C-alpha atoms as a PDB file:
ATOM      1  CA  MET A   1     -46.458  -7.971  27.435  1.00  0.00           C
ATOM      2  CA  ARG A   2     -44.269 -10.184  25.226  1.00  0.00           C
ATOM      3  CA  LEU A   3     -44.248  -7.611  22.387  1.00  0.00           C
ATOM      4  CA  TYR A   4     -43.186  -4.929  24.885  1.00  0.00           C
ATOM      5  CA  ARG A   5     -40.300  -7.122  26.093  1.00  0.00           C
ATOM      6  CA  ILE A   6     -39.114  -7.783  22.514  1.00  0.00           C
ATOM      7  CA  SER A   7     -39.392  -4.085  21.657  1.00  0.00           C
ATOM      8  CA  PHE A   8     -37.434  -3.114  24.766  1.00  0.00           C
ATOM      9  CA  LEU A   9     -34.691  -5.655  24.034  1.00  0.00           C
ATOM     10  CA  LEU A  10     -34.410  -4.463  20.433  1.00  0.00           C
ATOM     11  CA  PHE A  11     -34.295  -0.828  21.568  1.00  0.00           C
ATOM     12  CA  PHE A  12     -31.637  -1.662  24.189  1.00  0.00           C
ATOM     13  CA  TRP A  13     -29.504  -3.565  21.671  1.00  0.00           C
ATOM     14  CA  LEU A  14     -29.652  -0.837  19.019  1.00  0.00           C
ATOM     15  CA  THR A  15     -29.071   2.108  21.366  1.00  0.00           C
ATOM     16  CA  VAL A  16     -26.659   0.662  23.925  1.00  0.00           C
ATOM     17  CA  CYS A  17     -24.910  -2.448  22.639  1.00  0.00           C
ATOM     18  CA  VAL A  18     -24.346  -1.674  18.962  1.00  0.00           C
ATOM     19  CA  PRO A  19     -22.602   1.714  19.409  1.00  0.00           C
ATOM     20  CA  PHE A  20     -20.207   0.270  22.013  1.00  0.00           C
ATOM     21  CA  SER A  21     -19.446  -2.820  19.925  1.00  0.00           C
ATOM     22  CA  ILE A  22     -17.811  -0.543  17.342  1.00  0.00           C
ATOM     23  CA  TYR A  23     -15.162   0.361  19.922  1.00  0.00           C
ATOM     24  CA  ALA A  24     -14.725  -3.041  21.616  1.00  0.00           C
ATOM     25  CA  ALA A  25     -11.268  -4.585  21.823  1.00  0.00           C
ATOM     26  CA  GLN A  26     -10.330  -6.949  19.007  1.00  0.00           C
ATOM     27  CA  THR A  27     -10.581 -10.673  19.734  1.00  0.00           C
ATOM     28  CA  CYS A  28      -8.516 -13.212  17.771  1.00  0.00           C
ATOM     29  CA  ASN A  29      -8.469 -17.006  17.753  1.00  0.00           C
ATOM     30  CA  SER A  30      -4.739 -17.322  17.112  1.00  0.00           C
ATOM     31  CA  THR A  31      -4.385 -20.762  18.724  1.00  0.00           C
ATOM     32  CA  ASN A  32      -6.718 -22.686  16.402  1.00  0.00           C
ATOM     33  CA  MET A  33      -6.537 -20.708  13.169  1.00  0.00           C
ATOM     34  CA  ILE A  34      -3.877 -19.609  10.716  1.00  0.00           C
ATOM     35  CA  PRO A  35      -4.057 -15.872   9.889  1.00  0.00           C
ATOM     36  CA  SER A  36      -5.796 -15.174   6.578  1.00  0.00           C
ATOM     37  CA  THR A  37      -3.961 -11.828   6.223  1.00  0.00           C
ATOM     38  CA  PRO A  38      -0.585 -12.311   7.935  1.00  0.00           C
ATOM     39  CA  THR A  39       1.542  -9.217   8.405  1.00  0.00           C
ATOM     40  CA  THR A  40       4.277 -10.818   6.265  1.00  0.00           C
ATOM     41  CA  GLN A  41       1.885 -10.749   3.287  1.00  0.00           C
ATOM     42  CA  PHE A  42       2.040  -6.930   3.212  1.00  0.00           C
ATOM     43  CA  THR A  43       4.782  -4.464   2.352  1.00  0.00           C
ATOM     44  CA  ASP A  44       4.652  -1.211   4.303  1.00  0.00           C
ATOM     45  CA  ASN A  45       5.420   1.538   1.785  1.00  0.00           C
ATOM     46  CA  GLY A  46       6.158   4.081   4.534  1.00  0.00           C
ATOM     47  CA  ASP A  47       3.628   6.627   3.249  1.00  0.00           C
ATOM     48  CA  GLY A  48       0.347   5.485   4.782  1.00  0.00           C
ATOM     49  CA  THR A  49      -0.065   2.703   2.215  1.00  0.00           C
ATOM     50  CA  VAL A  50       0.628  -1.027   2.174  1.00  0.00           C
ATOM     51  CA  THR A  51       0.932  -3.412  -0.750  1.00  0.00           C
ATOM     52  CA  ASP A  52      -0.654  -6.849  -0.484  1.00  0.00           C
ATOM     53  CA  THR A  53       1.866  -9.192  -2.120  1.00  0.00           C
ATOM     54  CA  ALA A  54      -0.815 -11.869  -2.590  1.00  0.00           C
ATOM     55  CA  THR A  55      -3.185  -9.678  -4.616  1.00  0.00           C
ATOM     56  CA  GLY A  56      -0.907  -6.908  -5.934  1.00  0.00           C
ATOM     57  CA  LEU A  57      -3.234  -4.260  -4.497  1.00  0.00           C
ATOM     58  CA  MET A  58      -2.040  -1.127  -2.697  1.00  0.00           C
ATOM     59  CA  TRP A  59      -4.310  -0.051   0.169  1.00  0.00           C
ATOM     60  CA  LYS A  60      -4.563   3.138   2.173  1.00  0.00           C
ATOM     61  CA  GLN A  61      -3.883   2.007   5.728  1.00  0.00           C
ATOM     62  CA  CYS A  62      -6.491   4.363   7.180  1.00  0.00           C
ATOM     63  CA  LEU A  63     -10.137   4.835   6.424  1.00  0.00           C
ATOM     64  CA  GLU A  64     -11.162   8.154   4.912  1.00  0.00           C
ATOM     65  CA  GLY A  65     -11.416  10.789   7.616  1.00  0.00           C
ATOM     66  CA  TYR A  66      -8.285   9.465   9.351  1.00  0.00           C
ATOM     67  CA  THR A  67      -4.680  10.533   8.947  1.00  0.00           C
ATOM     68  CA  TYR A  68      -1.696   8.167   9.166  1.00  0.00           C
ATOM     69  CA  SER A  69       1.430   8.917  11.183  1.00  0.00           C
ATOM     70  CA  GLY A  70       3.897   6.653  12.950  1.00  0.00           C
ATOM     71  CA  GLY A  71       1.835   3.487  12.621  1.00  0.00           C
ATOM     72  CA  VAL A  72      -1.343   5.102  13.953  1.00  0.00           C
ATOM     73  CA  CYS A  73      -4.525   6.206  12.202  1.00  0.00           C
ATOM     74  CA  THR A  74      -5.920   9.276  13.937  1.00  0.00           C
ATOM     75  CA  LEU A  75      -9.528  10.301  13.425  1.00  0.00           C
ATOM     76  CA  ILE A  76      -9.723  13.806  11.960  1.00  0.00           C
ATOM     77  CA  THR A  77     -13.374  13.884  10.935  1.00  0.00           C
ATOM     78  CA  VAL A  78     -16.036  11.194  10.910  1.00  0.00           C
ATOM     79  CA  THR A  79     -16.463  10.309   7.264  1.00  0.00           C
ATOM     80  CA  THR A  80     -19.337   7.897   6.924  1.00  0.00           C
ATOM     81  CA  VAL A  81     -21.062   8.652   3.659  1.00  0.00           C
ATOM     82  CA  ASN A  82     -23.661   7.208   1.333  1.00  0.00           C
ATOM     83  CA  TRP A  83     -22.521   5.329  -1.767  1.00  0.00           C
ATOM     84  CA  GLU A  84     -22.530   8.400  -4.023  1.00  0.00           C
ATOM     85  CA  GLY A  85     -20.475  10.197  -1.378  1.00  0.00           C
ATOM     86  CA  ALA A  86     -18.052   7.275  -1.286  1.00  0.00           C
ATOM     87  CA  LEU A  87     -17.593   7.457  -5.049  1.00  0.00           C
ATOM     88  CA  SER A  88     -16.941  11.200  -4.859  1.00  0.00           C
ATOM     89  CA  LEU A  89     -14.358  10.783  -2.050  1.00  0.00           C
ATOM     90  CA  VAL A  90     -12.120   9.053  -4.577  1.00  0.00           C
ATOM     91  CA  THR A  91     -11.673  12.283  -6.508  1.00  0.00           C
ATOM     92  CA  THR A  92     -10.594  14.193  -3.382  1.00  0.00           C
ATOM     93  CA  HIS A  93      -7.598  11.899  -2.876  1.00  0.00           C
ATOM     94  CA  ILE A  94      -5.988  12.236  -6.267  1.00  0.00           C
ATOM     95  CA  GLY A  95      -2.271  12.367  -5.573  1.00  0.00           C
ATOM     96  CA  PHE A  96      -2.261  10.653  -2.157  1.00  0.00           C
ATOM     97  CA  ALA A  97       1.165   8.990  -1.770  1.00  0.00           C
ATOM     98  CA  ASP A  98       1.982  10.269  -5.295  1.00  0.00           C
ATOM     99  CA  HIS A  99      -0.712   8.132  -6.968  1.00  0.00           C
ATOM    100  CA  THR A 100      -3.670   9.387  -8.969  1.00  0.00           C
ATOM    101  CA  ASP A 101      -5.602   6.147  -9.516  1.00  0.00           C
ATOM    102  CA  TRP A 102      -7.281   5.535  -6.120  1.00  0.00           C
ATOM    103  CA  ARG A 103     -10.707   3.888  -6.250  1.00  0.00           C
ATOM    104  CA  LEU A 104     -13.294   2.026  -4.209  1.00  0.00           C
ATOM    105  CA  PRO A 105     -12.468  -1.681  -4.003  1.00  0.00           C
ATOM    106  CA  ASN A 106     -14.805  -4.271  -5.455  1.00  0.00           C
ATOM    107  CA  ILE A 107     -16.329  -6.686  -2.938  1.00  0.00           C
ATOM    108  CA  LYS A 108     -13.771  -9.461  -3.605  1.00  0.00           C
ATOM    109  CA  GLU A 109     -10.870  -7.043  -3.112  1.00  0.00           C
ATOM    110  CA  LEU A 110     -12.364  -5.721   0.118  1.00  0.00           C
ATOM    111  CA  GLN A 111     -13.022  -9.259   1.320  1.00  0.00           C
ATOM    112  CA  SER A 112      -9.332 -10.079   0.726  1.00  0.00           C
ATOM    113  CA  ILE A 113      -8.309  -7.930   3.717  1.00  0.00           C
ATOM    114  CA  VAL A 114     -10.748  -9.553   6.170  1.00  0.00           C
ATOM    115  CA  GLU A 115      -8.808 -11.320   8.917  1.00  0.00           C
ATOM    116  CA  GLU A 116     -10.837 -14.478   9.481  1.00  0.00           C
ATOM    117  CA  GLN A 117      -9.307 -15.347  12.869  1.00  0.00           C
ATOM    118  CA  CYS A 118     -10.356 -12.000  14.411  1.00  0.00           C
ATOM    119  CA  TYR A 119     -13.474  -9.968  15.063  1.00  0.00           C
ATOM    120  CA  SER A 120     -14.269  -6.517  16.435  1.00  0.00           C
ATOM    121  CA  PRO A 121     -12.657  -5.698  14.001  1.00  0.00           C
ATOM    122  CA  ALA A 122     -12.048  -8.540  11.536  1.00  0.00           C
ATOM    123  CA  VAL A 123      -8.865  -7.014  10.107  1.00  0.00           C
ATOM    124  CA  ASN A 124      -5.102  -7.171  10.711  1.00  0.00           C
ATOM    125  CA  LEU A 125      -4.611  -4.173  13.009  1.00  0.00           C
ATOM    126  CA  GLU A 126      -0.835  -4.137  12.454  1.00  0.00           C
ATOM    127  CA  ILE A 127      -1.487  -3.405   8.777  1.00  0.00           C
ATOM    128  CA  PHE A 128      -4.727  -1.402   9.106  1.00  0.00           C
ATOM    129  CA  PRO A 129      -4.377   0.287  12.527  1.00  0.00           C
ATOM    130  CA  ASP A 130      -7.320   1.754  14.401  1.00  0.00           C
ATOM    131  CA  THR A 131      -9.888   0.273  12.011  1.00  0.00           C
ATOM    132  CA  PRO A 132     -13.310   0.376  13.678  1.00  0.00           C
ATOM    133  CA  ALA A 133     -15.603  -2.643  13.731  1.00  0.00           C
ATOM    134  CA  ALA A 134     -17.921  -1.065  11.157  1.00  0.00           C
ATOM    135  CA  GLY A 135     -19.120  -1.327   7.560  1.00  0.00           C
ATOM    136  CA  VAL A 136     -16.986  -0.308   4.564  1.00  0.00           C
ATOM    137  CA  TRP A 137     -18.307   0.399   1.048  1.00  0.00           C
ATOM    138  CA  SER A 138     -17.358  -1.601  -2.025  1.00  0.00           C
ATOM    139  CA  ASN A 139     -17.983  -0.510  -5.607  1.00  0.00           C
ATOM    140  CA  SER A 140     -20.012  -3.689  -6.274  1.00  0.00           C
ATOM    141  CA  PRO A 141     -23.747  -3.144  -6.787  1.00  0.00           C
ATOM    142  CA  MET A 142     -26.049  -6.016  -5.969  1.00  0.00           C
ATOM    143  CA  ALA A 143     -27.073  -7.815  -9.152  1.00  0.00           C
ATOM    144  CA  LYS A 144     -30.312  -6.645 -10.728  1.00  0.00           C
ATOM    145  CA  LYS A 145     -33.209  -9.075 -10.583  1.00  0.00           C
ATOM    146  CA  VAL A 146     -34.616  -7.928 -13.922  1.00  0.00           C
ATOM    147  CA  ALA A 147     -33.411  -5.407 -16.467  1.00  0.00           C
ATOM    148  CA  SER A 148     -36.265  -2.983 -15.719  1.00  0.00           C
ATOM    149  CA  ASP A 149     -35.539  -3.037 -11.935  1.00  0.00           C
ATOM    150  CA  PRO A 150     -32.484  -0.852 -11.222  1.00  0.00           C
ATOM    151  CA  THR A 151     -30.582  -1.955  -8.167  1.00  0.00           C
ATOM    152  CA  THR A 152     -30.556   0.247  -5.101  1.00  0.00           C
ATOM    153  CA  SER A 153     -28.209  -1.941  -3.051  1.00  0.00           C
ATOM    154  CA  VAL A 154     -24.425  -2.224  -2.895  1.00  0.00           C
ATOM    155  CA  TRP A 155     -22.249  -4.783  -1.110  1.00  0.00           C
ATOM    156  CA  ILE A 156     -20.321  -3.801   2.010  1.00  0.00           C
ATOM    157  CA  ILE A 157     -17.998  -5.663   4.347  1.00  0.00           C
ATOM    158  CA  ASP A 158     -18.967  -5.303   7.983  1.00  0.00           C
ATOM    159  CA  PHE A 159     -15.609  -5.425   9.761  1.00  0.00           C
ATOM    160  CA  SER A 160     -17.224  -6.199  13.111  1.00  0.00           C
ATOM    161  CA  GLN A 161     -17.395  -9.869  12.017  1.00  0.00           C
ATOM    162  CA  GLY A 162     -16.061  -9.749   8.444  1.00  0.00           C
ATOM    163  CA  GLY A 163     -19.379 -10.531   6.770  1.00  0.00           C
ATOM    164  CA  MET A 164     -20.545  -9.328   3.365  1.00  0.00           C
ATOM    165  CA  PHE A 165     -23.984  -7.663   3.162  1.00  0.00           C
ATOM    166  CA  PRO A 166     -26.071  -5.788   0.579  1.00  0.00           C
ATOM    167  CA  VAL A 167     -27.174  -2.354   1.852  1.00  0.00           C
ATOM    168  CA  GLU A 168     -29.134   0.550   0.431  1.00  0.00           C
ATOM    169  CA  LYS A 169     -27.059   3.145  -1.446  1.00  0.00           C
ATOM    170  CA  THR A 170     -28.549   5.824   0.801  1.00  0.00           C
ATOM    171  CA  SER A 171     -27.029   4.259   3.963  1.00  0.00           C
ATOM    172  CA  ASN A 172     -23.842   5.702   5.472  1.00  0.00           C
ATOM    173  CA  TYR A 173     -20.654   3.643   5.803  1.00  0.00           C
ATOM    174  CA  ASN A 174     -16.873   4.075   5.889  1.00  0.00           C
ATOM    175  CA  VAL A 175     -14.555   4.230   2.880  1.00  0.00           C
ATOM    176  CA  ARG A 176     -11.150   2.585   2.358  1.00  0.00           C
ATOM    177  CA  LEU A 177      -9.414   3.276  -0.943  1.00  0.00           C
ATOM    178  CA  VAL A 178      -7.314   0.914  -3.036  1.00  0.00           C
ATOM    179  CA  ARG A 179      -5.325   0.954  -6.269  1.00  0.00           C
ATOM    180  CA  ASP A 180      -3.666  -1.592  -8.509  1.00  0.00           C
ATOM    181  CA  ASP A 181       0.042  -1.538  -7.613  1.00  0.00           C
ATOM    182  CA  VAL A 182       1.439  -1.806 -11.130  1.00  0.00           C
ATOM    183  CA  ILE A 183       5.050  -1.393  -9.940  1.00  0.00           C
ATOM    184  CA  ASN A 184       5.162  -4.694  -8.048  1.00  0.00           C
END
């Protein structure tokens, strides 16, 4: 009976709670915490990109599959892909905002846009509007244990809470592109 109860609770959580948590309203602890990614830290470039003045990185404001207009990211097509798919998405955005050097961020770069005072999603929604509380690929593979054991895991940031996790390359997650803003 106990195993049945645990199985039912796990099934309920995975089928009912998890999908709705992606779309839950953002919660922020603005009274006890200083923002880790304040809006003033970013320059809006007016073309669907922002530049982080602390890191010198230029970010696409929307995840892949979304389009940016008037401060809103609108979902065009769900674009959760495996890691190889994420790497290939980079080549389809050559020339976005007149730049040809878009790439997947490494895990430290991706972690730099986590808003630590918020969750669901753990991101500054003024800068990155309509970001779902979901995982986003990095280009950082998990370190190999031994030279003969090729890694099959890559780090992601789960923007539901802002945590960093290794996941299988065959899993499907979102993509947010970045570039080094060499002008600033």
